[in-house]
């Protein structure tokens, strides 16, 4: 987060330098106000770039034995450009190394999902699940390893999580 702030400031300074160069090339005929306008646009442009490349950056940092099974795109009013091109702000990763088939039978697997959320100081939540591959029922497990039946979901047949966990 600190380095994002530093990079944002330098993006603003670089854009202001371009505007200062434009003023110099036009023999100071370009208005003075273009310098702070360019600085603001440079900082805002860098922040938009960081927001849209967050998902790809996080994917490169994931271990090889993981698979992204879902993403969430958001549109928010304080980021009007997100209505034209929604950005991925959350995603869920299956830890394939955590898949265990010896729980009940071959049709039931246990695994860990990690949910990542883009925010100041990225957030990660981990939770264990049971999945019945035949009936497509996904049941969250408590920290003690007990099934939380009220949280059970039925996954659609083509779900990425179902396909990745039940291979």
C-alpha atoms as a PDB file:
ATOM      1  CA  UNK A   1       0.000   0.000   0.000  1.00  0.00           C
ATOM      2  CA  UNK A   2       2.843   2.386   0.832  1.00  0.00           C
ATOM      3  CA  UNK A   3       4.480   1.712  -2.525  1.00  0.00           C
ATOM      4  CA  UNK A   4       1.186   2.333  -4.327  1.00  0.00           C
ATOM      5  CA  UNK A   5       1.069   5.761  -2.689  1.00  0.00           C
ATOM      6  CA  UNK A   6       4.647   6.499  -3.730  1.00  0.00           C
ATOM      7  CA  UNK A   7       3.947   5.338  -7.291  1.00  0.00           C
ATOM      8  CA  UNK A   8       0.786   7.476  -7.417  1.00  0.00           C
ATOM      9  CA  UNK A   9       2.738  10.581  -6.378  1.00  0.00           C
ATOM     10  CA  UNK A  10       5.403   9.903  -8.988  1.00  0.00           C
ATOM     11  CA  UNK A  11       2.761   9.338 -11.677  1.00  0.00           C
ATOM     12  CA  UNK A  12       1.334  12.763 -10.778  1.00  0.00           C
ATOM     13  CA  UNK A  13       4.785  14.367 -10.861  1.00  0.00           C
ATOM     14  CA  UNK A  14       5.551  12.755 -14.224  1.00  0.00           C
ATOM     15  CA  UNK A  15       2.289  13.952 -15.747  1.00  0.00           C
ATOM     16  CA  UNK A  16       2.877  17.447 -14.303  1.00  0.00           C
ATOM     17  CA  UNK A  17       6.339  17.372 -15.881  1.00  0.00           C
ATOM     18  CA  UNK A  18       4.773  16.615 -19.252  1.00  0.00           C
ATOM     19  CA  UNK A  19       2.425  19.586 -18.830  1.00  0.00           C
ATOM     20  CA  UNK A  20       5.381  21.774 -17.815  1.00  0.00           C
ATOM     21  CA  UNK A  21       7.155  20.648 -20.987  1.00  0.00           C
ATOM     22  CA  UNK A  22       4.080  21.537 -23.050  1.00  0.00           C
ATOM     23  CA  UNK A  23       4.123  25.025 -21.523  1.00  0.00           C
ATOM     24  CA  UNK A  24       7.797  25.343 -22.410  1.00  0.00           C
ATOM     25  CA  UNK A  25       7.254  24.191 -26.014  1.00  0.00           C
ATOM     26  CA  UNK A  26       4.415  26.678 -26.515  1.00  0.00           C
ATOM     27  CA  UNK A  27       6.499  29.559 -25.133  1.00  0.00           C
ATOM     28  CA  UNK A  28       4.241  29.698 -22.038  1.00  0.00           C
ATOM     29  CA  UNK A  29       1.116  30.238 -24.147  1.00  0.00           C
ATOM     30  CA  UNK A  30      -0.498  27.124 -22.687  1.00  0.00           C
ATOM     31  CA  UNK A  31      -2.369  28.046 -19.502  1.00  0.00           C
ATOM     32  CA  UNK A  32      -0.732  27.433 -16.105  1.00  0.00           C
ATOM     33  CA  UNK A  33      -3.677  25.372 -14.907  1.00  0.00           C
ATOM     34  CA  UNK A  34      -2.744  22.455 -17.172  1.00  0.00           C
ATOM     35  CA  UNK A  35       0.070  21.508 -14.780  1.00  0.00           C
ATOM     36  CA  UNK A  36      -2.169  20.566 -11.803  1.00  0.00           C
ATOM     37  CA  UNK A  37      -4.795  19.120 -14.169  1.00  0.00           C
ATOM     38  CA  UNK A  38      -2.184  16.825 -15.734  1.00  0.00           C
ATOM     39  CA  UNK A  39      -0.901  15.899 -12.253  1.00  0.00           C
ATOM     40  CA  UNK A  40      -4.404  14.935 -11.124  1.00  0.00           C
ATOM     41  CA  UNK A  41      -5.118  12.991 -14.300  1.00  0.00           C
ATOM     42  CA  UNK A  42      -1.794  11.167 -13.971  1.00  0.00           C
ATOM     43  CA  UNK A  43      -2.544  10.115 -10.389  1.00  0.00           C
ATOM     44  CA  UNK A  44      -6.086   9.096 -11.235  1.00  0.00           C
ATOM     45  CA  UNK A  45      -4.940   7.175 -14.301  1.00  0.00           C
ATOM     46  CA  UNK A  46      -2.412   5.241 -12.235  1.00  0.00           C
ATOM     47  CA  UNK A  47      -5.050   4.345  -9.624  1.00  0.00           C
ATOM     48  CA  UNK A  48      -7.444   3.115 -12.322  1.00  0.00           C
ATOM     49  CA  UNK A  49      -4.623   1.052 -13.829  1.00  0.00           C
ATOM     50  CA  UNK A  50      -3.818  -0.526 -10.445  1.00  0.00           C
ATOM     51  CA  UNK A  51      -7.492  -1.358  -9.831  1.00  0.00           C
ATOM     52  CA  UNK A  52      -7.897  -3.081 -13.191  1.00  0.00           C
ATOM     53  CA  UNK A  53      -4.641  -5.055 -12.992  1.00  0.00           C
ATOM     54  CA  UNK A  54      -5.122  -6.176  -9.355  1.00  0.00           C
ATOM     55  CA  UNK A  55      -6.650  -9.528 -10.319  1.00  0.00           C
ATOM     56  CA  UNK A  56      -3.912 -10.413 -12.824  1.00  0.00           C
ATOM     57  CA  UNK A  57      -1.238  -9.352 -10.325  1.00  0.00           C
ATOM     58  CA  UNK A  58      -2.751 -11.511  -7.581  1.00  0.00           C
ATOM     59  CA  UNK A  59      -3.017 -14.494  -9.957  1.00  0.00           C
ATOM     60  CA  UNK A  60       0.718 -14.345 -10.654  1.00  0.00           C
ATOM     61  CA  UNK A  61       1.382 -14.595  -6.908  1.00  0.00           C
ATOM     62  CA  UNK A  62      -0.715 -17.749  -6.406  1.00  0.00           C
ATOM     63  CA  UNK A  63       0.984 -21.145  -6.005  1.00  0.00           C
ATOM     64  CA  UNK A  64       0.910 -23.538  -8.956  1.00  0.00           C
ATOM     65  CA  UNK A  65      -1.401 -26.025  -7.213  1.00  0.00           C
ATOM     66  CA  UNK A  66      -4.301 -23.563  -6.967  1.00  0.00           C
ATOM     67  CA  UNK A  67      -7.134 -22.766  -9.358  1.00  0.00           C
ATOM     68  CA  UNK A  68      -9.391 -19.720  -9.571  1.00  0.00           C
ATOM     69  CA  UNK A  69     -12.958 -21.055  -9.406  1.00  0.00           C
ATOM     70  CA  UNK A  70     -14.987 -17.824  -9.317  1.00  0.00           C
ATOM     71  CA  UNK A  71     -14.661 -14.072  -9.786  1.00  0.00           C
ATOM     72  CA  UNK A  72     -16.904 -11.143  -8.886  1.00  0.00           C
ATOM     73  CA  UNK A  73     -17.049  -7.957 -10.961  1.00  0.00           C
ATOM     74  CA  UNK A  74     -18.310  -4.785  -9.304  1.00  0.00           C
ATOM     75  CA  UNK A  75     -19.707  -1.500 -10.541  1.00  0.00           C
ATOM     76  CA  UNK A  76     -19.720   1.392  -8.062  1.00  0.00           C
ATOM     77  CA  UNK A  77     -20.898   4.951  -8.483  1.00  0.00           C
ATOM     78  CA  UNK A  78     -17.681   6.582  -7.196  1.00  0.00           C
ATOM     79  CA  UNK A  79     -15.831   4.811 -10.008  1.00  0.00           C
ATOM     80  CA  UNK A  80     -17.967   5.774 -13.014  1.00  0.00           C
ATOM     81  CA  UNK A  81     -15.607   4.004 -15.438  1.00  0.00           C
ATOM     82  CA  UNK A  82     -16.573   0.710 -13.765  1.00  0.00           C
ATOM     83  CA  UNK A  83     -19.990   0.924 -15.462  1.00  0.00           C
ATOM     84  CA  UNK A  84     -18.293   0.857 -18.875  1.00  0.00           C
ATOM     85  CA  UNK A  85     -15.811  -1.877 -17.881  1.00  0.00           C
ATOM     86  CA  UNK A  86     -16.572  -3.644 -14.583  1.00  0.00           C
ATOM     87  CA  UNK A  87     -13.505  -4.631 -12.599  1.00  0.00           C
ATOM     88  CA  UNK A  88     -12.840  -7.844 -10.700  1.00  0.00           C
ATOM     89  CA  UNK A  89     -12.814  -7.019  -6.992  1.00  0.00           C
ATOM     90  CA  UNK A  90     -13.132 -10.506  -5.463  1.00  0.00           C
ATOM     91  CA  UNK A  91     -12.184 -14.003  -6.439  1.00  0.00           C
ATOM     92  CA  UNK A  92     -12.161 -17.488  -4.941  1.00  0.00           C
ATOM     93  CA  UNK A  93      -9.298 -19.963  -5.215  1.00  0.00           C
ATOM     94  CA  UNK A  94      -9.364 -23.725  -4.716  1.00  0.00           C
ATOM     95  CA  UNK A  95      -6.271 -25.159  -3.058  1.00  0.00           C
ATOM     96  CA  UNK A  96      -5.911 -28.389  -5.043  1.00  0.00           C
ATOM     97  CA  UNK A  97      -3.262 -29.671  -2.624  1.00  0.00           C
ATOM     98  CA  UNK A  98      -5.855 -29.630   0.174  1.00  0.00           C
ATOM     99  CA  UNK A  99      -8.324 -31.926  -1.648  1.00  0.00           C
ATOM    100  CA  UNK A 100      -8.937 -35.028   0.423  1.00  0.00           C
ATOM    101  CA  UNK A 101     -11.096 -37.952  -0.761  1.00  0.00           C
ATOM    102  CA  UNK A 102     -10.835 -40.191   2.297  1.00  0.00           C
ATOM    103  CA  UNK A 103     -13.564 -38.375   4.262  1.00  0.00           C
ATOM    104  CA  UNK A 104     -16.666 -40.522   3.616  1.00  0.00           C
ATOM    105  CA  UNK A 105     -16.247 -42.119   0.213  1.00  0.00           C
ATOM    106  CA  UNK A 106     -15.009 -41.483  -3.302  1.00  0.00           C
ATOM    107  CA  UNK A 107     -17.929 -39.158  -4.055  1.00  0.00           C
ATOM    108  CA  UNK A 108     -17.225 -36.773  -1.158  1.00  0.00           C
ATOM    109  CA  UNK A 109     -14.213 -34.469  -1.141  1.00  0.00           C
ATOM    110  CA  UNK A 110     -12.932 -32.050   1.474  1.00  0.00           C
ATOM    111  CA  UNK A 111     -10.914 -28.978   0.504  1.00  0.00           C
ATOM    112  CA  UNK A 112     -10.023 -25.401   1.410  1.00  0.00           C
ATOM    113  CA  UNK A 113     -11.217 -22.322  -0.475  1.00  0.00           C
ATOM    114  CA  UNK A 114      -9.493 -18.948  -0.218  1.00  0.00           C
ATOM    115  CA  UNK A 115     -11.496 -15.790  -0.910  1.00  0.00           C
ATOM    116  CA  UNK A 116      -9.528 -12.708  -1.919  1.00  0.00           C
ATOM    117  CA  UNK A 117     -10.985  -9.199  -1.773  1.00  0.00           C
ATOM    118  CA  UNK A 118      -9.473  -6.064  -3.240  1.00  0.00           C
ATOM    119  CA  UNK A 119      -9.315  -3.370  -0.606  1.00  0.00           C
ATOM    120  CA  UNK A 120      -6.701  -1.289   1.120  1.00  0.00           C
ATOM    121  CA  UNK A 121      -4.450  -4.050   2.390  1.00  0.00           C
ATOM    122  CA  UNK A 122      -5.921  -6.984   0.411  1.00  0.00           C
ATOM    123  CA  UNK A 123      -8.060  -9.343   2.474  1.00  0.00           C
ATOM    124  CA  UNK A 124      -7.949 -13.135   2.409  1.00  0.00           C
ATOM    125  CA  UNK A 125     -10.378 -15.519   4.109  1.00  0.00           C
ATOM    126  CA  UNK A 126      -9.970 -19.283   4.207  1.00  0.00           C
ATOM    127  CA  UNK A 127     -12.662 -21.884   4.867  1.00  0.00           C
ATOM    128  CA  UNK A 128     -12.876 -25.673   4.628  1.00  0.00           C
ATOM    129  CA  UNK A 129     -15.726 -27.335   2.718  1.00  0.00           C
ATOM    130  CA  UNK A 130     -17.201 -30.745   1.966  1.00  0.00           C
ATOM    131  CA  UNK A 131     -18.514 -31.405  -1.529  1.00  0.00           C
ATOM    132  CA  UNK A 132     -20.599 -34.379  -2.593  1.00  0.00           C
ATOM    133  CA  UNK A 133     -19.610 -34.790  -6.240  1.00  0.00           C
ATOM    134  CA  UNK A 134     -22.630 -36.913  -7.103  1.00  0.00           C
ATOM    135  CA  UNK A 135     -25.377 -34.720  -5.549  1.00  0.00           C
ATOM    136  CA  UNK A 136     -23.407 -31.422  -6.036  1.00  0.00           C
ATOM    137  CA  UNK A 137     -24.019 -30.349  -2.403  1.00  0.00           C
ATOM    138  CA  UNK A 138     -21.419 -27.966  -0.961  1.00  0.00           C
ATOM    139  CA  UNK A 139     -21.300 -27.777   2.843  1.00  0.00           C
ATOM    140  CA  UNK A 140     -19.054 -25.369   4.789  1.00  0.00           C
ATOM    141  CA  UNK A 141     -17.169 -26.779   7.775  1.00  0.00           C
ATOM    142  CA  UNK A 142     -16.752 -25.036  11.129  1.00  0.00           C
ATOM    143  CA  UNK A 143     -13.293 -24.464  12.596  1.00  0.00           C
ATOM    144  CA  UNK A 144     -13.816 -27.652  14.603  1.00  0.00           C
ATOM    145  CA  UNK A 145     -14.489 -29.572  11.356  1.00  0.00           C
ATOM    146  CA  UNK A 146     -18.233 -29.976  11.897  1.00  0.00           C
ATOM    147  CA  UNK A 147     -20.579 -29.497   8.894  1.00  0.00           C
ATOM    148  CA  UNK A 148     -22.604 -26.255   8.956  1.00  0.00           C
ATOM    149  CA  UNK A 149     -25.801 -27.604   7.373  1.00  0.00           C
ATOM    150  CA  UNK A 150     -27.652 -24.223   7.187  1.00  0.00           C
ATOM    151  CA  UNK A 151     -24.879 -22.963   4.861  1.00  0.00           C
ATOM    152  CA  UNK A 152     -25.290 -25.835   2.382  1.00  0.00           C
ATOM    153  CA  UNK A 153     -25.573 -24.918  -1.315  1.00  0.00           C
ATOM    154  CA  UNK A 154     -26.448 -26.889  -4.412  1.00  0.00           C
ATOM    155  CA  UNK A 155     -23.927 -26.188  -7.176  1.00  0.00           C
ATOM    156  CA  UNK A 156     -25.018 -26.074 -10.833  1.00  0.00           C
ATOM    157  CA  UNK A 157     -23.716 -28.959 -12.949  1.00  0.00           C
ATOM    158  CA  UNK A 158     -21.142 -26.911 -14.897  1.00  0.00           C
ATOM    159  CA  UNK A 159     -19.712 -25.039 -11.893  1.00  0.00           C
ATOM    160  CA  UNK A 160     -15.923 -24.518 -12.027  1.00  0.00           C
ATOM    161  CA  UNK A 161     -15.521 -25.535  -8.391  1.00  0.00           C
ATOM    162  CA  UNK A 162     -17.434 -28.769  -8.958  1.00  0.00           C
ATOM    163  CA  UNK A 163     -15.369 -29.635 -12.015  1.00  0.00           C
ATOM    164  CA  UNK A 164     -12.007 -28.743 -10.376  1.00  0.00           C
ATOM    165  CA  UNK A 165     -12.651 -30.535  -7.066  1.00  0.00           C
ATOM    166  CA  UNK A 166     -14.257 -33.691  -8.471  1.00  0.00           C
ATOM    167  CA  UNK A 167     -11.783 -34.546 -11.254  1.00  0.00           C
END
